[in-house]
Amino acid sequence: MVEYYWPYAVAYTGNTYRYFQERRDLLRKTLFKDDMIFSGQEQEGYIVFPTLDYDVEEFTVQIEGMALRFNYRDEPIEKIDIPYRLHRDVYLGKKPSPEGL
């Protein structure tokens, strides 16, 4: 976000720069924090990936080595890999969407 909006924010002063700061702060609040999550806790936020190519319709995000159990030294003793299979619907707007979107 900074790479995209920074030239616009630096070129102007006053309200435009303030709007840039507000958007940046909002994005920072909603991104997933890189903290440890323990049993019984919940964490939510967005994970941002680079832009996908237009021809990509399905992809898998693989989380490797998710620790489930730890020993007395706080070392993981049971790990699993979690695949998230995602499907992307692309609507180009050339004709009305069949779902009424």
PDB file of N, CA and C in Angstrom:
ATOM      1  N   MET A   1       0.820  -1.187   0.000  1.00  0.00           N
ATOM      2  CA  MET A   1       0.000   0.000   0.000  1.00  0.00           C
ATOM      3  C   MET A   1       0.869   1.258   0.000  1.00  0.00           C
ATOM      4  N   VAL A   2       1.930   1.239   0.786  1.00  0.00           N
ATOM      5  CA  VAL A   2       2.790   2.413   0.854  1.00  0.00           C
ATOM      6  C   VAL A   2       3.441   2.667  -0.494  1.00  0.00           C
ATOM      7  N   GLU A   3       3.897   1.606  -1.167  1.00  0.00           N
ATOM      8  CA  GLU A   3       4.548   1.777  -2.457  1.00  0.00           C
ATOM      9  C   GLU A   3       3.605   2.397  -3.478  1.00  0.00           C
ATOM     10  N   TYR A   4       2.317   2.055  -3.416  1.00  0.00           N
ATOM     11  CA  TYR A   4       1.355   2.564  -4.379  1.00  0.00           C
ATOM     12  C   TYR A   4       0.933   4.000  -4.055  1.00  0.00           C
ATOM     13  N   TYR A   5       0.607   4.269  -2.789  1.00  0.00           N
ATOM     14  CA  TYR A   5       0.044   5.558  -2.412  1.00  0.00           C
ATOM     15  C   TYR A   5       1.077   6.608  -2.012  1.00  0.00           C
ATOM     16  N   TRP A   6       2.309   6.211  -1.725  1.00  0.00           N
ATOM     17  CA  TRP A   6       3.272   7.169  -1.222  1.00  0.00           C
ATOM     18  C   TRP A   6       3.521   8.349  -2.174  1.00  0.00           C
ATOM     19  N   PRO A   7       3.686   8.136  -3.487  1.00  0.00           N
ATOM     20  CA  PRO A   7       3.893   9.298  -4.362  1.00  0.00           C
ATOM     21  C   PRO A   7       2.744  10.302  -4.296  1.00  0.00           C
ATOM     22  N   TYR A   8       1.519   9.817  -4.136  1.00  0.00           N
ATOM     23  CA  TYR A   8       0.377  10.726  -4.042  1.00  0.00           C
ATOM     24  C   TYR A   8       0.386  11.469  -2.714  1.00  0.00           C
ATOM     25  N   ALA A   9       0.751  10.793  -1.652  1.00  0.00           N
ATOM     26  CA  ALA A   9       0.736  11.411  -0.331  1.00  0.00           C
ATOM     27  C   ALA A   9       1.849  12.447  -0.185  1.00  0.00           C
ATOM     28  N   VAL A  10       3.006  12.179  -0.771  1.00  0.00           N
ATOM     29  CA  VAL A  10       4.123  13.103  -0.642  1.00  0.00           C
ATOM     30  C   VAL A  10       3.911  14.332  -1.518  1.00  0.00           C
ATOM     31  N   ALA A  11       3.240  14.149  -2.641  1.00  0.00           N
ATOM     32  CA  ALA A  11       3.033  15.255  -3.571  1.00  0.00           C
ATOM     33  C   ALA A  11       2.080  16.304  -3.018  1.00  0.00           C
ATOM     34  N   TYR A  12       1.244  15.924  -2.086  1.00  0.00           N
ATOM     35  CA  TYR A  12       0.267  16.842  -1.522  1.00  0.00           C
ATOM     36  C   TYR A  12       0.496  16.986  -0.028  1.00  0.00           C
ATOM     37  N   THR A  13      -0.071  18.018   0.536  1.00  0.00           N
ATOM     38  CA  THR A  13       0.036  18.209   1.974  1.00  0.00           C
ATOM     39  C   THR A  13      -1.351  18.368   2.559  1.00  0.00           C
ATOM     40  N   GLY A  14      -1.399  18.435   3.857  1.00  0.00           N
ATOM     41  CA  GLY A  14      -2.675  18.705   4.517  1.00  0.00           C
ATOM     42  C   GLY A  14      -3.601  17.508   4.523  1.00  0.00           C
ATOM     43  N   ASN A  15      -4.826  17.706   4.043  1.00  0.00           N
ATOM     44  CA  ASN A  15      -5.866  16.684   4.126  1.00  0.00           C
ATOM     45  C   ASN A  15      -5.518  15.417   3.358  1.00  0.00           C
ATOM     46  N   THR A  16      -4.882  15.523   2.218  1.00  0.00           N
ATOM     47  CA  THR A  16      -4.553  14.338   1.425  1.00  0.00           C
ATOM     48  C   THR A  16      -3.601  13.426   2.190  1.00  0.00           C
ATOM     49  N   TYR A  17      -2.607  14.009   2.838  1.00  0.00           N
ATOM     50  CA  TYR A  17      -1.676  13.209   3.614  1.00  0.00           C
ATOM     51  C   TYR A  17      -2.375  12.584   4.821  1.00  0.00           C
ATOM     52  N   ARG A  18      -3.303  13.305   5.419  1.00  0.00           N
ATOM     53  CA  ARG A  18      -4.056  12.778   6.557  1.00  0.00           C
ATOM     54  C   ARG A  18      -4.902  11.581   6.124  1.00  0.00           C
ATOM     55  N   TYR A  19      -5.531  11.665   4.942  1.00  0.00           N
ATOM     56  CA  TYR A  19      -6.323  10.541   4.429  1.00  0.00           C
ATOM     57  C   TYR A  19      -5.437   9.318   4.194  1.00  0.00           C
ATOM     58  N   PHE A  20      -4.235   9.556   3.672  1.00  0.00           N
ATOM     59  CA  PHE A  20      -3.284   8.464   3.466  1.00  0.00           C
ATOM     60  C   PHE A  20      -2.950   7.799   4.802  1.00  0.00           C
ATOM     61  N   GLN A  21      -2.682   8.592   5.832  1.00  0.00           N
ATOM     62  CA  GLN A  21      -2.355   8.050   7.145  1.00  0.00           C
ATOM     63  C   GLN A  21      -3.533   7.247   7.707  1.00  0.00           C
ATOM     64  N   GLU A  22      -4.754   7.735   7.528  1.00  0.00           N
ATOM     65  CA  GLU A  22      -5.934   7.016   8.017  1.00  0.00           C
ATOM     66  C   GLU A  22      -6.073   5.669   7.334  1.00  0.00           C
ATOM     67  N   ARG A  23      -5.888   5.621   6.018  1.00  0.00           N
ATOM     68  CA  ARG A  23      -5.989   4.353   5.279  1.00  0.00           C
ATOM     69  C   ARG A  23      -4.902   3.380   5.714  1.00  0.00           C
ATOM     70  N   ARG A  24      -3.701   3.888   5.900  1.00  0.00           N
ATOM     71  CA  ARG A  24      -2.594   3.033   6.326  1.00  0.00           C
ATOM     72  C   ARG A  24      -2.848   2.469   7.726  1.00  0.00           C
ATOM     73  N   ASP A  25      -3.348   3.295   8.621  1.00  0.00           N
ATOM     74  CA  ASP A  25      -3.658   2.822   9.973  1.00  0.00           C
ATOM     75  C   ASP A  25      -4.760   1.780   9.965  1.00  0.00           C
ATOM     76  N   LEU A  26      -5.767   1.984   9.127  1.00  0.00           N
ATOM     77  CA  LEU A  26      -6.857   1.012   9.006  1.00  0.00           C
ATOM     78  C   LEU A  26      -6.326  -0.320   8.494  1.00  0.00           C
ATOM     79  N   LEU A  27      -5.459  -0.287   7.499  1.00  0.00           N
ATOM     80  CA  LEU A  27      -4.875  -1.513   6.974  1.00  0.00           C
ATOM     81  C   LEU A  27      -4.043  -2.222   8.038  1.00  0.00           C
ATOM     82  N   ARG A  28      -3.264  -1.496   8.800  1.00  0.00           N
ATOM     83  CA  ARG A  28      -2.439  -2.112   9.844  1.00  0.00           C
ATOM     84  C   ARG A  28      -3.292  -2.781  10.914  1.00  0.00           C
ATOM     85  N   LYS A  29      -4.443  -2.209  11.222  1.00  0.00           N
ATOM     86  CA  LYS A  29      -5.319  -2.785  12.245  1.00  0.00           C
ATOM     87  C   LYS A  29      -5.959  -4.083  11.773  1.00  0.00           C
ATOM     88  N   THR A  30      -6.210  -4.215  10.459  1.00  0.00           N
ATOM     89  CA  THR A  30      -6.932  -5.376   9.958  1.00  0.00           C
ATOM     90  C   THR A  30      -6.023  -6.502   9.482  1.00  0.00           C
ATOM     91  N   LEU A  31      -4.719  -6.271   9.346  1.00  0.00           N
ATOM     92  CA  LEU A  31      -3.820  -7.341   8.921  1.00  0.00           C
ATOM     93  C   LEU A  31      -3.632  -8.345  10.051  1.00  0.00           C
ATOM     94  N   PHE A  32      -3.402  -9.581   9.673  1.00  0.00           N
ATOM     95  CA  PHE A  32      -3.177 -10.648  10.648  1.00  0.00           C
ATOM     96  C   PHE A  32      -1.844 -10.410  11.337  1.00  0.00           C
ATOM     97  N   LYS A  33      -1.839 -10.408  12.646  1.00  0.00           N
ATOM     98  CA  LYS A  33      -0.618 -10.146  13.411  1.00  0.00           C
ATOM     99  C   LYS A  33       0.207 -11.422  13.534  1.00  0.00           C
ATOM    100  N   ASP A  34       1.495 -11.278  13.441  1.00  0.00           N
ATOM    101  CA  ASP A  34       2.414 -12.413  13.493  1.00  0.00           C
ATOM    102  C   ASP A  34       2.767 -12.725  14.947  1.00  0.00           C
ATOM    103  N   ASP A  35       1.767 -13.142  15.721  1.00  0.00           N
ATOM    104  CA  ASP A  35       1.948 -13.480  17.129  1.00  0.00           C
ATOM    105  C   ASP A  35       1.626 -14.951  17.340  1.00  0.00           C
ATOM    106  N   MET A  36       2.105 -15.481  18.452  1.00  0.00           N
ATOM    107  CA  MET A  36       1.764 -16.852  18.827  1.00  0.00           C
ATOM    108  C   MET A  36       0.300 -16.886  19.260  1.00  0.00           C
ATOM    109  N   ILE A  37      -0.413 -17.932  18.862  1.00  0.00           N
ATOM    110  CA  ILE A  37      -1.803 -18.118  19.255  1.00  0.00           C
ATOM    111  C   ILE A  37      -1.860 -19.406  20.055  1.00  0.00           C
ATOM    112  N   PHE A  38      -2.374 -19.324  21.264  1.00  0.00           N
ATOM    113  CA  PHE A  38      -2.401 -20.468  22.157  1.00  0.00           C
ATOM    114  C   PHE A  38      -3.803 -21.054  22.231  1.00  0.00           C
ATOM    115  N   SER A  39      -3.917 -22.229  22.798  1.00  0.00           N
ATOM    116  CA  SER A  39      -5.183 -22.930  22.931  1.00  0.00           C
ATOM    117  C   SER A  39      -6.211 -22.042  23.622  1.00  0.00           C
ATOM    118  N   GLY A  40      -7.390 -21.960  23.028  1.00  0.00           N
ATOM    119  CA  GLY A  40      -8.464 -21.159  23.595  1.00  0.00           C
ATOM    120  C   GLY A  40      -8.459 -19.714  23.133  1.00  0.00           C
ATOM    121  N   GLN A  41      -7.427 -19.291  22.430  1.00  0.00           N
ATOM    122  CA  GLN A  41      -7.368 -17.920  21.929  1.00  0.00           C
ATOM    123  C   GLN A  41      -7.846 -17.870  20.487  1.00  0.00           C
ATOM    124  N   GLU A  42      -8.294 -16.698  20.079  1.00  0.00           N
ATOM    125  CA  GLU A  42      -8.706 -16.476  18.700  1.00  0.00           C
ATOM    126  C   GLU A  42      -7.993 -15.252  18.160  1.00  0.00           C
ATOM    127  N   GLN A  43      -7.682 -15.294  16.903  1.00  0.00           N
ATOM    128  CA  GLN A  43      -7.046 -14.169  16.236  1.00  0.00           C
ATOM    129  C   GLN A  43      -7.636 -14.073  14.845  1.00  0.00           C
ATOM    130  N   GLU A  44      -7.946 -12.886  14.403  1.00  0.00           N
ATOM    131  CA  GLU A  44      -8.464 -12.732  13.049  1.00  0.00           C
ATOM    132  C   GLU A  44      -7.806 -11.535  12.396  1.00  0.00           C
ATOM    133  N   GLY A  45      -7.791 -11.574  11.081  1.00  0.00           N
ATOM    134  CA  GLY A  45      -7.193 -10.500  10.302  1.00  0.00           C
ATOM    135  C   GLY A  45      -7.014 -10.969   8.872  1.00  0.00           C
ATOM    136  N   TYR A  46      -6.587 -10.071   8.029  1.00  0.00           N
ATOM    137  CA  TYR A  46      -6.389 -10.386   6.617  1.00  0.00           C
ATOM    138  C   TYR A  46      -4.946 -10.787   6.360  1.00  0.00           C
ATOM    139  N   ILE A  47      -4.774 -11.746   5.478  1.00  0.00           N
ATOM    140  CA  ILE A  47      -3.463 -12.123   4.983  1.00  0.00           C
ATOM    141  C   ILE A  47      -3.427 -11.663   3.536  1.00  0.00           C
ATOM    142  N   VAL A  48      -2.473 -10.828   3.189  1.00  0.00           N
ATOM    143  CA  VAL A  48      -2.420 -10.220   1.864  1.00  0.00           C
ATOM    144  C   VAL A  48      -1.387 -10.954   1.024  1.00  0.00           C
ATOM    145  N   PHE A  49      -1.799 -11.351  -0.180  1.00  0.00           N
ATOM    146  CA  PHE A  49      -0.922 -12.034  -1.128  1.00  0.00           C
ATOM    147  C   PHE A  49      -0.687 -11.131  -2.328  1.00  0.00           C
ATOM    148  N   PRO A  50       0.371 -11.398  -3.077  1.00  0.00           N
ATOM    149  CA  PRO A  50       0.564 -10.648  -4.330  1.00  0.00           C
ATOM    150  C   PRO A  50      -0.610 -10.898  -5.277  1.00  0.00           C
ATOM    151  N   THR A  51      -0.810 -10.000  -6.214  1.00  0.00           N
ATOM    152  CA  THR A  51      -1.904 -10.113  -7.169  1.00  0.00           C
ATOM    153  C   THR A  51      -1.772 -11.390  -7.983  1.00  0.00           C
ATOM    154  N   LEU A  52      -2.888 -12.106  -8.109  1.00  0.00           N
ATOM    155  CA  LEU A  52      -2.892 -13.337  -8.901  1.00  0.00           C
ATOM    156  C   LEU A  52      -2.993 -13.005 -10.388  1.00  0.00           C
ATOM    157  N   ASP A  53      -2.428 -13.866 -11.219  1.00  0.00           N
ATOM    158  CA  ASP A  53      -2.613 -13.720 -12.659  1.00  0.00           C
ATOM    159  C   ASP A  53      -4.077 -13.953 -12.998  1.00  0.00           C
ATOM    160  N   TYR A  54      -4.525 -13.381 -14.102  1.00  0.00           N
ATOM    161  CA  TYR A  54      -5.940 -13.460 -14.470  1.00  0.00           C
ATOM    162  C   TYR A  54      -6.399 -14.877 -14.793  1.00  0.00           C
ATOM    163  N   ASP A  55      -5.491 -15.745 -15.241  1.00  0.00           N
ATOM    164  CA  ASP A  55      -5.895 -17.092 -15.613  1.00  0.00           C
ATOM    165  C   ASP A  55      -5.916 -18.062 -14.432  1.00  0.00           C
ATOM    166  N   VAL A  56      -5.552 -17.631 -13.237  1.00  0.00           N
ATOM    167  CA  VAL A  56      -5.563 -18.495 -12.057  1.00  0.00           C
ATOM    168  C   VAL A  56      -6.987 -18.582 -11.521  1.00  0.00           C
ATOM    169  N   GLU A  57      -7.524 -19.806 -11.466  1.00  0.00           N
ATOM    170  CA  GLU A  57      -8.881 -20.014 -10.957  1.00  0.00           C
ATOM    171  C   GLU A  57      -8.891 -20.779  -9.646  1.00  0.00           C
ATOM    172  N   GLU A  58      -7.915 -21.650  -9.441  1.00  0.00           N
ATOM    173  CA  GLU A  58      -7.833 -22.429  -8.211  1.00  0.00           C
ATOM    174  C   GLU A  58      -6.397 -22.425  -7.718  1.00  0.00           C
ATOM    175  N   PHE A  59      -6.244 -22.360  -6.410  1.00  0.00           N
ATOM    176  CA  PHE A  59      -4.917 -22.445  -5.820  1.00  0.00           C
ATOM    177  C   PHE A  59      -5.044 -22.955  -4.393  1.00  0.00           C
ATOM    178  N   THR A  60      -3.932 -23.389  -3.841  1.00  0.00           N
ATOM    179  CA  THR A  60      -3.901 -23.947  -2.494  1.00  0.00           C
ATOM    180  C   THR A  60      -2.890 -23.179  -1.657  1.00  0.00           C
ATOM    181  N   VAL A  61      -3.312 -22.805  -0.472  1.00  0.00           N
ATOM    182  CA  VAL A  61      -2.411 -22.200   0.505  1.00  0.00           C
ATOM    183  C   VAL A  61      -2.079 -23.287   1.512  1.00  0.00           C
ATOM    184  N   GLN A  62      -0.796 -23.595   1.659  1.00  0.00           N
ATOM    185  CA  GLN A  62      -0.347 -24.686   2.522  1.00  0.00           C
ATOM    186  C   GLN A  62       0.303 -24.104   3.769  1.00  0.00           C
ATOM    187  N   ILE A  63      -0.264 -24.408   4.929  1.00  0.00           N
ATOM    188  CA  ILE A  63       0.350 -24.033   6.205  1.00  0.00           C
ATOM    189  C   ILE A  63       1.082 -25.266   6.703  1.00  0.00           C
ATOM    190  N   GLU A  64       2.391 -25.172   6.760  1.00  0.00           N
ATOM    191  CA  GLU A  64       3.210 -26.331   7.115  1.00  0.00           C
ATOM    192  C   GLU A  64       3.672 -26.237   8.563  1.00  0.00           C
ATOM    193  N   GLY A  65       3.648 -27.368   9.235  1.00  0.00           N
ATOM    194  CA  GLY A  65       4.194 -27.456  10.579  1.00  0.00           C
ATOM    195  C   GLY A  65       3.368 -26.770  11.652  1.00  0.00           C
ATOM    196  N   MET A  66       2.053 -26.847  11.566  1.00  0.00           N
ATOM    197  CA  MET A  66       1.201 -26.278  12.607  1.00  0.00           C
ATOM    198  C   MET A  66       1.338 -27.145  13.851  1.00  0.00           C
ATOM    199  N   ALA A  67       1.820 -26.567  14.934  1.00  0.00           N
ATOM    200  CA  ALA A  67       2.049 -27.317  16.162  1.00  0.00           C
ATOM    201  C   ALA A  67       0.746 -27.513  16.916  1.00  0.00           C
ATOM    202  N   LEU A  68       0.475 -28.762  17.288  1.00  0.00           N
ATOM    203  CA  LEU A  68      -0.734 -29.085  18.045  1.00  0.00           C
ATOM    204  C   LEU A  68      -0.454 -29.327  19.520  1.00  0.00           C
ATOM    205  N   ARG A  69       0.667 -29.955  19.806  1.00  0.00           N
ATOM    206  CA  ARG A  69       1.001 -30.277  21.199  1.00  0.00           C
ATOM    207  C   ARG A  69       2.467 -29.948  21.454  1.00  0.00           C
ATOM    208  N   PHE A  70       2.746 -29.564  22.707  1.00  0.00           N
ATOM    209  CA  PHE A  70       4.099 -29.211  23.105  1.00  0.00           C
ATOM    210  C   PHE A  70       4.509 -30.033  24.314  1.00  0.00           C
ATOM    211  N   ASN A  71       5.821 -30.227  24.504  1.00  0.00           N
ATOM    212  CA  ASN A  71       6.310 -30.915  25.689  1.00  0.00           C
ATOM    213  C   ASN A  71       6.626 -29.896  26.788  1.00  0.00           C
ATOM    214  N   TYR A  72       7.198 -30.342  27.852  1.00  0.00           N
ATOM    215  CA  TYR A  72       7.459 -29.473  28.995  1.00  0.00           C
ATOM    216  C   TYR A  72       8.489 -28.385  28.696  1.00  0.00           C
ATOM    217  N   ARG A  73       9.303 -28.571  27.653  1.00  0.00           N
ATOM    218  CA  ARG A  73      10.293 -27.562  27.271  1.00  0.00           C
ATOM    219  C   ARG A  73       9.761 -26.588  26.209  1.00  0.00           C
ATOM    220  N   ASP A  74       8.474 -26.653  25.978  1.00  0.00           N
ATOM    221  CA  ASP A  74       7.813 -25.795  24.993  1.00  0.00           C
ATOM    222  C   ASP A  74       8.280 -26.087  23.565  1.00  0.00           C
ATOM    223  N   GLU A  75       8.639 -27.343  23.309  1.00  0.00           N
ATOM    224  CA  GLU A  75       9.012 -27.788  21.968  1.00  0.00           C
ATOM    225  C   GLU A  75       7.829 -28.540  21.377  1.00  0.00           C
ATOM    226  N   PRO A  76       7.526 -28.323  20.101  1.00  0.00           N
ATOM    227  CA  PRO A  76       6.387 -29.022  19.501  1.00  0.00           C
ATOM    228  C   PRO A  76       6.657 -30.521  19.374  1.00  0.00           C
ATOM    229  N   ILE A  77       5.692 -31.343  19.789  1.00  0.00           N
ATOM    230  CA  ILE A  77       5.833 -32.791  19.668  1.00  0.00           C
ATOM    231  C   ILE A  77       4.835 -33.372  18.670  1.00  0.00           C
ATOM    232  N   GLU A  78       3.852 -32.589  18.259  1.00  0.00           N
ATOM    233  CA  GLU A  78       2.895 -33.047  17.253  1.00  0.00           C
ATOM    234  C   GLU A  78       2.606 -31.886  16.308  1.00  0.00           C
ATOM    235  N   LYS A  79       2.874 -32.128  15.017  1.00  0.00           N
ATOM    236  CA  LYS A  79       2.662 -31.104  13.985  1.00  0.00           C
ATOM    237  C   LYS A  79       1.831 -31.681  12.854  1.00  0.00           C
ATOM    238  N   ILE A  80       1.100 -30.801  12.170  1.00  0.00           N
ATOM    239  CA  ILE A  80       0.359 -31.205  10.974  1.00  0.00           C
ATOM    240  C   ILE A  80       0.514 -30.123   9.901  1.00  0.00           C
ATOM    241  N   ASP A  81       0.248 -30.505   8.668  1.00  0.00           N
ATOM    242  CA  ASP A  81       0.195 -29.562   7.554  1.00  0.00           C
ATOM    243  C   ASP A  81      -1.272 -29.337   7.202  1.00  0.00           C
ATOM    244  N   ILE A  82      -1.639 -28.086   6.985  1.00  0.00           N
ATOM    245  CA  ILE A  82      -3.033 -27.755   6.700  1.00  0.00           C
ATOM    246  C   ILE A  82      -3.123 -27.116   5.315  1.00  0.00           C
ATOM    247  N   PRO A  83      -3.770 -27.790   4.352  1.00  0.00           N
ATOM    248  CA  PRO A  83      -3.971 -27.177   3.039  1.00  0.00           C
ATOM    249  C   PRO A  83      -5.326 -26.467   2.981  1.00  0.00           C
ATOM    250  N   TYR A  84      -5.351 -25.261   2.442  1.00  0.00           N
ATOM    251  CA  TYR A  84      -6.591 -24.527   2.181  1.00  0.00           C
ATOM    252  C   TYR A  84      -6.728 -24.401   0.674  1.00  0.00           C
ATOM    253  N   ARG A  85      -7.714 -25.077   0.131  1.00  0.00           N
ATOM    254  CA  ARG A  85      -7.957 -25.017  -1.308  1.00  0.00           C
ATOM    255  C   ARG A  85      -8.943 -23.895  -1.587  1.00  0.00           C
ATOM    256  N   LEU A  86      -8.553 -22.991  -2.464  1.00  0.00           N
ATOM    257  CA  LEU A  86      -9.362 -21.814  -2.761  1.00  0.00           C
ATOM    258  C   LEU A  86      -9.747 -21.793  -4.230  1.00  0.00           C
ATOM    259  N   HIS A  87     -10.944 -21.317  -4.503  1.00  0.00           N
ATOM    260  CA  HIS A  87     -11.448 -21.185  -5.869  1.00  0.00           C
ATOM    261  C   HIS A  87     -11.775 -19.717  -6.101  1.00  0.00           C
ATOM    262  N   ARG A  88     -11.409 -19.230  -7.238  1.00  0.00           N
ATOM    263  CA  ARG A  88     -11.603 -17.813  -7.556  1.00  0.00           C
ATOM    264  C   ARG A  88     -12.591 -17.681  -8.705  1.00  0.00           C
ATOM    265  N   ASP A  89     -13.647 -16.893  -8.488  1.00  0.00           N
ATOM    266  CA  ASP A  89     -14.614 -16.577  -9.536  1.00  0.00           C
ATOM    267  C   ASP A  89     -14.283 -15.195 -10.078  1.00  0.00           C
ATOM    268  N   VAL A  90     -14.105 -15.100 -11.382  1.00  0.00           N
ATOM    269  CA  VAL A  90     -13.775 -13.832 -12.012  1.00  0.00           C
ATOM    270  C   VAL A  90     -14.962 -13.390 -12.855  1.00  0.00           C
ATOM    271  N   TYR A  91     -15.457 -12.202 -12.581  1.00  0.00           N
ATOM    272  CA  TYR A  91     -16.564 -11.630 -13.355  1.00  0.00           C
ATOM    273  C   TYR A  91     -16.017 -10.440 -14.123  1.00  0.00           C
ATOM    274  N   LEU A  92     -16.053 -10.496 -15.445  1.00  0.00           N
ATOM    275  CA  LEU A  92     -15.468  -9.464 -16.275  1.00  0.00           C
ATOM    276  C   LEU A  92     -16.445  -8.341 -16.621  1.00  0.00           C
ATOM    277  N   GLY A  93     -17.721  -8.505 -16.347  1.00  0.00           N
ATOM    278  CA  GLY A  93     -18.691  -7.437 -16.561  1.00  0.00           C
ATOM    279  C   GLY A  93     -19.130  -7.255 -17.998  1.00  0.00           C
ATOM    280  N   LYS A  94     -18.908  -8.239 -18.862  1.00  0.00           N
ATOM    281  CA  LYS A  94     -19.323  -8.115 -20.249  1.00  0.00           C
ATOM    282  C   LYS A  94     -20.794  -8.402 -20.432  1.00  0.00           C
ATOM    283  N   LYS A  95     -21.358  -9.190 -19.536  1.00  0.00           N
ATOM    284  CA  LYS A  95     -22.780  -9.480 -19.560  1.00  0.00           C
ATOM    285  C   LYS A  95     -23.255  -9.641 -18.121  1.00  0.00           C
ATOM    286  N   PRO A  96     -24.550  -9.568 -17.870  1.00  0.00           N
ATOM    287  CA  PRO A  96     -25.024  -9.673 -16.484  1.00  0.00           C
ATOM    288  C   PRO A  96     -24.607 -10.993 -15.847  1.00  0.00           C
ATOM    289  N   SER A  97     -24.246 -10.904 -14.600  1.00  0.00           N
ATOM    290  CA  SER A  97     -23.832 -12.081 -13.854  1.00  0.00           C
ATOM    291  C   SER A  97     -25.020 -13.017 -13.615  1.00  0.00           C
ATOM    292  N   PRO A  98     -24.817 -14.329 -13.725  1.00  0.00           N
ATOM    293  CA  PRO A  98     -25.927 -15.270 -13.520  1.00  0.00           C
ATOM    294  C   PRO A  98     -26.432 -15.287 -12.075  1.00  0.00           C
ATOM    295  N   GLU A  99     -25.567 -14.896 -11.122  1.00  0.00           N
ATOM    296  CA  GLU A  99     -25.982 -14.870  -9.722  1.00  0.00           C
ATOM    297  C   GLU A  99     -26.663 -13.578  -9.340  1.00  0.00           C
ATOM    298  N   GLY A 100     -26.712 -12.611 -10.241  1.00  0.00           N
ATOM    299  CA  GLY A 100     -27.337 -11.340  -9.939  1.00  0.00           C
ATOM    300  C   GLY A 100     -26.451 -10.426  -9.113  1.00  0.00           C
ATOM    301  N   LEU A 101     -25.129 -10.574  -9.231  1.00  0.00           N
ATOM    302  CA  LEU A 101     -24.198  -9.730  -8.456  1.00  0.00           C
ATOM    303  C   LEU A 101     -24.096  -8.356  -9.035  1.00  0.00           C
TER     304      LEU A 101
END
